[in-house]
Amino acid sequence: EEGRVIEPGSEPVTFDLPSRSGRTWRVGLS
């Protein structure tokens, strides 16, 4: 029961990762 010790977040988060090739990948976190 994680809720006994963990406080939940509320917002989805993505970020952009520029690769060495020059292409940027959009990454979603979970």
ModelCIF file with pLDDT and N, C-alpha, C, O atoms, coordinates in Angstrom:
data_MODEL
#
_entry.id   MODEL 
#
_entity.id                         1 
_entity.type                       polymer 
_entity.pdbx_number_of_molecules   1 
#
_entity_poly.entity_id                      1 
_entity_poly.type                           'polypeptide(L)' 
_entity_poly.nstd_linkage                   no 
_entity_poly.nstd_monomer                   no 
_entity_poly.pdbx_seq_one_letter_code       EEGRVIEPGSEPVTFDLPSRSGRTWRVGLS 
_entity_poly.pdbx_seq_one_letter_code_can   EEGRVIEPGSEPVTFDLPSRSGRTWRVGLS 
_entity_poly.pdbx_strand_id                 A 
#
loop_
_entity_poly_seq.entity_id 
_entity_poly_seq.num 
_entity_poly_seq.mon_id 
_entity_poly_seq.hetero 
1 1  GLU n 
1 2  GLU n 
1 3  GLY n 
1 4  ARG n 
1 5  VAL n 
1 6  ILE n 
1 7  GLU n 
1 8  PRO n 
1 9  GLY n 
1 10 SER n 
1 11 GLU n 
1 12 PRO n 
1 13 VAL n 
1 14 THR n 
1 15 PHE n 
1 16 ASP n 
1 17 LEU n 
1 18 PRO n 
1 19 SER n 
1 20 ARG n 
1 21 SER n 
1 22 GLY n 
1 23 ARG n 
1 24 THR n 
1 25 TRP n 
1 26 ARG n 
1 27 VAL n 
1 28 GLY n 
1 29 LEU n 
1 30 SER n 
#
_struct_asym.id          A 
_struct_asym.entity_id   1 
#
loop_
_ma_qa_metric.id 
_ma_qa_metric.mode 
_ma_qa_metric.name 
_ma_qa_metric.software_group_id 
_ma_qa_metric.type 
1 global pLDDT . pLDDT 
2 local  pLDDT . pLDDT 
#
_ma_qa_metric_global.metric_id      1 
_ma_qa_metric_global.metric_value   97.53 
_ma_qa_metric_global.model_id       1 
_ma_qa_metric_global.ordinal_id     1 
#
loop_
_ma_qa_metric_local.label_asym_id 
_ma_qa_metric_local.label_comp_id 
_ma_qa_metric_local.label_seq_id 
_ma_qa_metric_local.metric_id 
_ma_qa_metric_local.metric_value 
_ma_qa_metric_local.model_id 
_ma_qa_metric_local.ordinal_id 
A GLU 1  2 94.00 1 1  
A GLU 2  2 96.00 1 2  
A GLY 3  2 95.00 1 3  
A ARG 4  2 95.00 1 4  
A VAL 5  2 97.00 1 5  
A ILE 6  2 97.00 1 6  
A GLU 7  2 98.00 1 7  
A PRO 8  2 98.00 1 8  
A GLY 9  2 98.00 1 9  
A SER 10 2 97.00 1 10 
A GLU 11 2 98.00 1 11 
A PRO 12 2 98.00 1 12 
A VAL 13 2 98.00 1 13 
A THR 14 2 98.00 1 14 
A PHE 15 2 98.00 1 15 
A ASP 16 2 98.00 1 16 
A LEU 17 2 98.00 1 17 
A PRO 18 2 98.00 1 18 
A SER 19 2 98.00 1 19 
A ARG 20 2 97.00 1 20 
A SER 21 2 97.00 1 21 
A GLY 22 2 97.00 1 22 
A ARG 23 2 98.00 1 23 
A THR 24 2 98.00 1 24 
A TRP 25 2 98.00 1 25 
A ARG 26 2 98.00 1 26 
A VAL 27 2 99.00 1 27 
A GLY 28 2 99.00 1 28 
A LEU 29 2 99.00 1 29 
A SER 30 2 99.00 1 30 
#
loop_
_atom_site.group_PDB 
_atom_site.id 
_atom_site.type_symbol 
_atom_site.label_atom_id 
_atom_site.label_alt_id 
_atom_site.label_comp_id 
_atom_site.label_asym_id 
_atom_site.label_entity_id 
_atom_site.label_seq_id 
_atom_site.pdbx_PDB_ins_code 
_atom_site.Cartn_x 
_atom_site.Cartn_y 
_atom_site.Cartn_z 
_atom_site.occupancy 
_atom_site.B_iso_or_equiv 
_atom_site.pdbx_formal_charge 
_atom_site.auth_seq_id 
_atom_site.auth_comp_id 
_atom_site.auth_asym_id 
_atom_site.auth_atom_id 
_atom_site.pdbx_PDB_model_num 
ATOM 1   N N  . GLU A 1 1  ? 0.856  -1.189 0.000   1.00 94.00 ? 1  GLU A N  1 
ATOM 2   C CA . GLU A 1 1  ? 0.000  0.000  0.000   1.00 94.00 ? 1  GLU A CA 1 
ATOM 3   C C  . GLU A 1 1  ? 0.897  1.246  0.000   1.00 94.00 ? 1  GLU A C  1 
ATOM 4   O O  . GLU A 1 1  ? 1.213  1.801  1.052   1.00 94.00 ? 1  GLU A O  1 
ATOM 5   N N  . GLU A 1 2  ? 1.289  1.660  -1.181  1.00 96.00 ? 2  GLU A N  1 
ATOM 6   C CA . GLU A 1 2  ? 2.254  2.753  -1.294  1.00 96.00 ? 2  GLU A CA 1 
ATOM 7   C C  . GLU A 1 2  ? 1.742  4.063  -0.717  1.00 96.00 ? 2  GLU A C  1 
ATOM 8   O O  . GLU A 1 2  ? 2.533  4.889  -0.262  1.00 96.00 ? 2  GLU A O  1 
ATOM 9   N N  . GLY A 1 3  ? 0.430  4.263  -0.728  1.00 95.00 ? 3  GLY A N  1 
ATOM 10  C CA . GLY A 1 3  ? -0.136 5.520  -0.265  1.00 95.00 ? 3  GLY A CA 1 
ATOM 11  C C  . GLY A 1 3  ? 0.116  5.804  1.207   1.00 95.00 ? 3  GLY A C  1 
ATOM 12  O O  . GLY A 1 3  ? -0.056 6.938  1.653   1.00 95.00 ? 3  GLY A O  1 
ATOM 13  N N  . ARG A 1 4  ? 0.523  4.788  1.973   1.00 95.00 ? 4  ARG A N  1 
ATOM 14  C CA . ARG A 1 4  ? 0.828  5.020  3.391   1.00 95.00 ? 4  ARG A CA 1 
ATOM 15  C C  . ARG A 1 4  ? 2.076  5.875  3.566   1.00 95.00 ? 4  ARG A C  1 
ATOM 16  O O  . ARG A 1 4  ? 2.207  6.587  4.562   1.00 95.00 ? 4  ARG A O  1 
ATOM 17  N N  . VAL A 1 5  ? 2.995  5.809  2.602   1.00 97.00 ? 5  VAL A N  1 
ATOM 18  C CA . VAL A 1 5  ? 4.279  6.499  2.735   1.00 97.00 ? 5  VAL A CA 1 
ATOM 19  C C  . VAL A 1 5  ? 4.544  7.464  1.577   1.00 97.00 ? 5  VAL A C  1 
ATOM 20  O O  . VAL A 1 5  ? 5.364  8.374  1.701   1.00 97.00 ? 5  VAL A O  1 
ATOM 21  N N  . ILE A 1 6  ? 3.857  7.267  0.464   1.00 97.00 ? 6  ILE A N  1 
ATOM 22  C CA . ILE A 1 6  ? 4.117  8.077  -0.725  1.00 97.00 ? 6  ILE A CA 1 
ATOM 23  C C  . ILE A 1 6  ? 2.977  9.052  -0.965  1.00 97.00 ? 6  ILE A C  1 
ATOM 24  O O  . ILE A 1 6  ? 1.802  8.704  -0.852  1.00 97.00 ? 6  ILE A O  1 
ATOM 25  N N  . GLU A 1 7  ? 3.343  10.263 -1.293  1.00 98.00 ? 7  GLU A N  1 
ATOM 26  C CA . GLU A 1 7  ? 2.402  11.325 -1.648  1.00 98.00 ? 7  GLU A CA 1 
ATOM 27  C C  . GLU A 1 7  ? 2.330  11.378 -3.180  1.00 98.00 ? 7  GLU A C  1 
ATOM 28  O O  . GLU A 1 7  ? 3.363  11.527 -3.832  1.00 98.00 ? 7  GLU A O  1 
ATOM 29  N N  . PRO A 1 8  ? 1.137  11.260 -3.764  1.00 98.00 ? 8  PRO A N  1 
ATOM 30  C CA . PRO A 1 8  ? 1.073  11.152 -5.225  1.00 98.00 ? 8  PRO A CA 1 
ATOM 31  C C  . PRO A 1 8  ? 1.328  12.472 -5.935  1.00 98.00 ? 8  PRO A C  1 
ATOM 32  O O  . PRO A 1 8  ? 1.039  13.547 -5.409  1.00 98.00 ? 8  PRO A O  1 
ATOM 33  N N  . GLY A 1 9  ? 1.875  12.368 -7.137  1.00 98.00 ? 9  GLY A N  1 
ATOM 34  C CA . GLY A 1 9  ? 1.934  13.505 -8.038  1.00 98.00 ? 9  GLY A CA 1 
ATOM 35  C C  . GLY A 1 9  ? 0.596  13.670 -8.742  1.00 98.00 ? 9  GLY A C  1 
ATOM 36  O O  . GLY A 1 9  ? -0.350 12.925 -8.485  1.00 98.00 ? 9  GLY A O  1 
ATOM 37  N N  . SER A 1 10 ? 0.527  14.656 -9.632  1.00 97.00 ? 10 SER A N  1 
ATOM 38  C CA . SER A 1 10 ? -0.751 14.917 -10.291 1.00 97.00 ? 10 SER A CA 1 
ATOM 39  C C  . SER A 1 10 ? -0.626 15.290 -11.758 1.00 97.00 ? 10 SER A C  1 
ATOM 40  O O  . SER A 1 10 ? -1.637 15.360 -12.457 1.00 97.00 ? 10 SER A O  1 
ATOM 41  N N  . GLU A 1 11 ? 0.594  15.534 -12.249 1.00 98.00 ? 11 GLU A N  1 
ATOM 42  C CA . GLU A 1 11 ? 0.745  16.067 -13.600 1.00 98.00 ? 11 GLU A CA 1 
ATOM 43  C C  . GLU A 1 11 ? 1.587  15.150 -14.490 1.00 98.00 ? 11 GLU A C  1 
ATOM 44  O O  . GLU A 1 11 ? 2.677  14.735 -14.095 1.00 98.00 ? 11 GLU A O  1 
ATOM 45  N N  . PRO A 1 12 ? 1.084  14.828 -15.703 1.00 98.00 ? 12 PRO A N  1 
ATOM 46  C CA . PRO A 1 12 ? 1.938  14.134 -16.673 1.00 98.00 ? 12 PRO A CA 1 
ATOM 47  C C  . PRO A 1 12 ? 3.105  15.030 -17.075 1.00 98.00 ? 12 PRO A C  1 
ATOM 48  O O  . PRO A 1 12 ? 2.982  16.255 -17.107 1.00 98.00 ? 12 PRO A O  1 
ATOM 49  N N  . VAL A 1 13 ? 4.227  14.408 -17.377 1.00 98.00 ? 13 VAL A N  1 
ATOM 50  C CA . VAL A 1 13 ? 5.433  15.166 -17.738 1.00 98.00 ? 13 VAL A CA 1 
ATOM 51  C C  . VAL A 1 13 ? 6.071  14.556 -18.983 1.00 98.00 ? 13 VAL A C  1 
ATOM 52  O O  . VAL A 1 13 ? 6.290  13.347 -19.051 1.00 98.00 ? 13 VAL A O  1 
ATOM 53  N N  . THR A 1 14 ? 6.364  15.399 -19.958 1.00 98.00 ? 14 THR A N  1 
ATOM 54  C CA . THR A 1 14 ? 7.196  15.016 -21.096 1.00 98.00 ? 14 THR A CA 1 
ATOM 55  C C  . THR A 1 14 ? 8.380  15.972 -21.174 1.00 98.00 ? 14 THR A C  1 
ATOM 56  O O  . THR A 1 14 ? 8.342  17.071 -20.621 1.00 98.00 ? 14 THR A O  1 
ATOM 57  N N  . PHE A 1 15 ? 9.420  15.545 -21.859 1.00 98.00 ? 15 PHE A N  1 
ATOM 58  C CA . PHE A 1 15 ? 10.563 16.432 -22.095 1.00 98.00 ? 15 PHE A CA 1 
ATOM 59  C C  . PHE A 1 15 ? 11.167 16.098 -23.454 1.00 98.00 ? 15 PHE A C  1 
ATOM 60  O O  . PHE A 1 15 ? 10.930 15.022 -24.002 1.00 98.00 ? 15 PHE A O  1 
ATOM 61  N N  . ASP A 1 16 ? 11.940 17.019 -23.985 1.00 98.00 ? 16 ASP A N  1 
ATOM 62  C CA . ASP A 1 16 ? 12.588 16.834 -25.279 1.00 98.00 ? 16 ASP A CA 1 
ATOM 63  C C  . ASP A 1 16 ? 14.045 16.465 -25.091 1.00 98.00 ? 16 ASP A C  1 
ATOM 64  O O  . ASP A 1 16 ? 14.762 17.080 -24.301 1.00 98.00 ? 16 ASP A O  1 
ATOM 65  N N  . LEU A 1 17 ? 14.475 15.444 -25.834 1.00 98.00 ? 17 LEU A N  1 
ATOM 66  C CA . LEU A 1 17 ? 15.836 14.940 -25.742 1.00 98.00 ? 17 LEU A CA 1 
ATOM 67  C C  . LEU A 1 17 ? 16.504 15.056 -27.121 1.00 98.00 ? 17 LEU A C  1 
ATOM 68  O O  . LEU A 1 17 ? 16.208 14.264 -28.015 1.00 98.00 ? 17 LEU A O  1 
ATOM 69  N N  . PRO A 1 18 ? 17.389 16.022 -27.296 1.00 98.00 ? 18 PRO A N  1 
ATOM 70  C CA . PRO A 1 18 ? 18.125 16.135 -28.565 1.00 98.00 ? 18 PRO A CA 1 
ATOM 71  C C  . PRO A 1 18 ? 19.190 15.039 -28.648 1.00 98.00 ? 18 PRO A C  1 
ATOM 72  O O  . PRO A 1 18 ? 20.080 14.977 -27.799 1.00 98.00 ? 18 PRO A O  1 
ATOM 73  N N  . SER A 1 19 ? 19.108 14.184 -29.654 1.00 98.00 ? 19 SER A N  1 
ATOM 74  C CA . SER A 1 19 ? 20.088 13.110 -29.800 1.00 98.00 ? 19 SER A CA 1 
ATOM 75  C C  . SER A 1 19 ? 21.323 13.610 -30.534 1.00 98.00 ? 19 SER A C  1 
ATOM 76  O O  . SER A 1 19 ? 21.330 14.703 -31.100 1.00 98.00 ? 19 SER A O  1 
ATOM 77  N N  . ARG A 1 20 ? 22.355 12.797 -30.514 1.00 97.00 ? 20 ARG A N  1 
ATOM 78  C CA . ARG A 1 20 ? 23.606 13.179 -31.177 1.00 97.00 ? 20 ARG A CA 1 
ATOM 79  C C  . ARG A 1 20 ? 23.441 13.300 -32.686 1.00 97.00 ? 20 ARG A C  1 
ATOM 80  O O  . ARG A 1 20 ? 24.220 13.990 -33.343 1.00 97.00 ? 20 ARG A O  1 
ATOM 81  N N  . SER A 1 21 ? 22.433 12.634 -33.239 1.00 97.00 ? 21 SER A N  1 
ATOM 82  C CA . SER A 1 21 ? 22.190 12.699 -34.679 1.00 97.00 ? 21 SER A CA 1 
ATOM 83  C C  . SER A 1 21 ? 21.561 14.017 -35.108 1.00 97.00 ? 21 SER A C  1 
ATOM 84  O O  . SER A 1 21 ? 21.506 14.331 -36.297 1.00 97.00 ? 21 SER A O  1 
ATOM 85  N N  . GLY A 1 22 ? 21.086 14.789 -34.128 1.00 97.00 ? 22 GLY A N  1 
ATOM 86  C CA . GLY A 1 22 ? 20.397 16.040 -34.428 1.00 97.00 ? 22 GLY A CA 1 
ATOM 87  C C  . GLY A 1 22 ? 18.884 15.927 -34.332 1.00 97.00 ? 22 GLY A C  1 
ATOM 88  O O  . GLY A 1 22 ? 18.190 16.943 -34.351 1.00 97.00 ? 22 GLY A O  1 
ATOM 89  N N  . ARG A 1 23 ? 18.353 14.695 -34.229 1.00 98.00 ? 23 ARG A N  1 
ATOM 90  C CA . ARG A 1 23 ? 16.915 14.515 -34.073 1.00 98.00 ? 23 ARG A CA 1 
ATOM 91  C C  . ARG A 1 23 ? 16.526 14.672 -32.609 1.00 98.00 ? 23 ARG A C  1 
ATOM 92  O O  . ARG A 1 23 ? 17.231 14.192 -31.722 1.00 98.00 ? 23 ARG A O  1 
ATOM 93  N N  . THR A 1 24 ? 15.417 15.338 -32.358 1.00 98.00 ? 24 THR A N  1 
ATOM 94  C CA . THR A 1 24 ? 14.918 15.502 -30.999 1.00 98.00 ? 24 THR A CA 1 
ATOM 95  C C  . THR A 1 24 ? 13.767 14.539 -30.763 1.00 98.00 ? 24 THR A C  1 
ATOM 96  O O  . THR A 1 24 ? 12.817 14.484 -31.544 1.00 98.00 ? 24 THR A O  1 
ATOM 97  N N  . TRP A 1 25 ? 13.863 13.778 -29.673 1.00 98.00 ? 25 TRP A N  1 
ATOM 98  C CA . TRP A 1 25 ? 12.826 12.814 -29.278 1.00 98.00 ? 25 TRP A CA 1 
ATOM 99  C C  . TRP A 1 25 ? 11.999 13.405 -28.146 1.00 98.00 ? 25 TRP A C  1 
ATOM 100 O O  . TRP A 1 25 ? 12.546 13.963 -27.194 1.00 98.00 ? 25 TRP A O  1 
ATOM 101 N N  . ARG A 1 26 ? 10.687 13.283 -28.250 1.00 98.00 ? 26 ARG A N  1 
ATOM 102 C CA . ARG A 1 26 ? 9.796  13.671 -27.157 1.00 98.00 ? 26 ARG A CA 1 
ATOM 103 C C  . ARG A 1 26 ? 9.560  12.444 -26.281 1.00 98.00 ? 26 ARG A C  1 
ATOM 104 O O  . ARG A 1 26 ? 9.143  11.392 -26.767 1.00 98.00 ? 26 ARG A O  1 
ATOM 105 N N  . VAL A 1 27 ? 9.833  12.591 -24.979 1.00 99.00 ? 27 VAL A N  1 
ATOM 106 C CA . VAL A 1 27 ? 9.828  11.466 -24.042 1.00 99.00 ? 27 VAL A CA 1 
ATOM 107 C C  . VAL A 1 27 ? 8.771  11.685 -22.969 1.00 99.00 ? 27 VAL A C  1 
ATOM 108 O O  . VAL A 1 27 ? 8.701  12.760 -22.373 1.00 99.00 ? 27 VAL A O  1 
ATOM 109 N N  . GLY A 1 28 ? 7.945  10.665 -22.720 1.00 99.00 ? 28 GLY A N  1 
ATOM 110 C CA . GLY A 1 28 ? 6.931  10.708 -21.681 1.00 99.00 ? 28 GLY A CA 1 
ATOM 111 C C  . GLY A 1 28 ? 7.358  9.890  -20.471 1.00 99.00 ? 28 GLY A C  1 
ATOM 112 O O  . GLY A 1 28 ? 7.867  8.778  -20.618 1.00 99.00 ? 28 GLY A O  1 
ATOM 113 N N  . LEU A 1 29 ? 7.154  10.430 -19.286 1.00 99.00 ? 29 LEU A N  1 
ATOM 114 C CA . LEU A 1 29 ? 7.604  9.790  -18.048 1.00 99.00 ? 29 LEU A CA 1 
ATOM 115 C C  . LEU A 1 29 ? 6.448  9.101  -17.317 1.00 99.00 ? 29 LEU A C  1 
ATOM 116 O O  . LEU A 1 29 ? 5.318  9.591  -17.302 1.00 99.00 ? 29 LEU A O  1 
ATOM 117 N N  . SER A 1 30 ? 6.762  7.962  -16.719 1.00 99.00 ? 30 SER A N  1 
ATOM 118 C CA . SER A 1 30 ? 5.803  7.234  -15.891 1.00 99.00 ? 30 SER A CA 1 
ATOM 119 C C  . SER A 1 30 ? 6.600  6.322  -14.973 1.00 99.00 ? 30 SER A C  1 
ATOM 120 O O  . SER A 1 30 ? 6.019  5.595  -14.168 1.00 99.00 ? 30 SER A O  1 
#
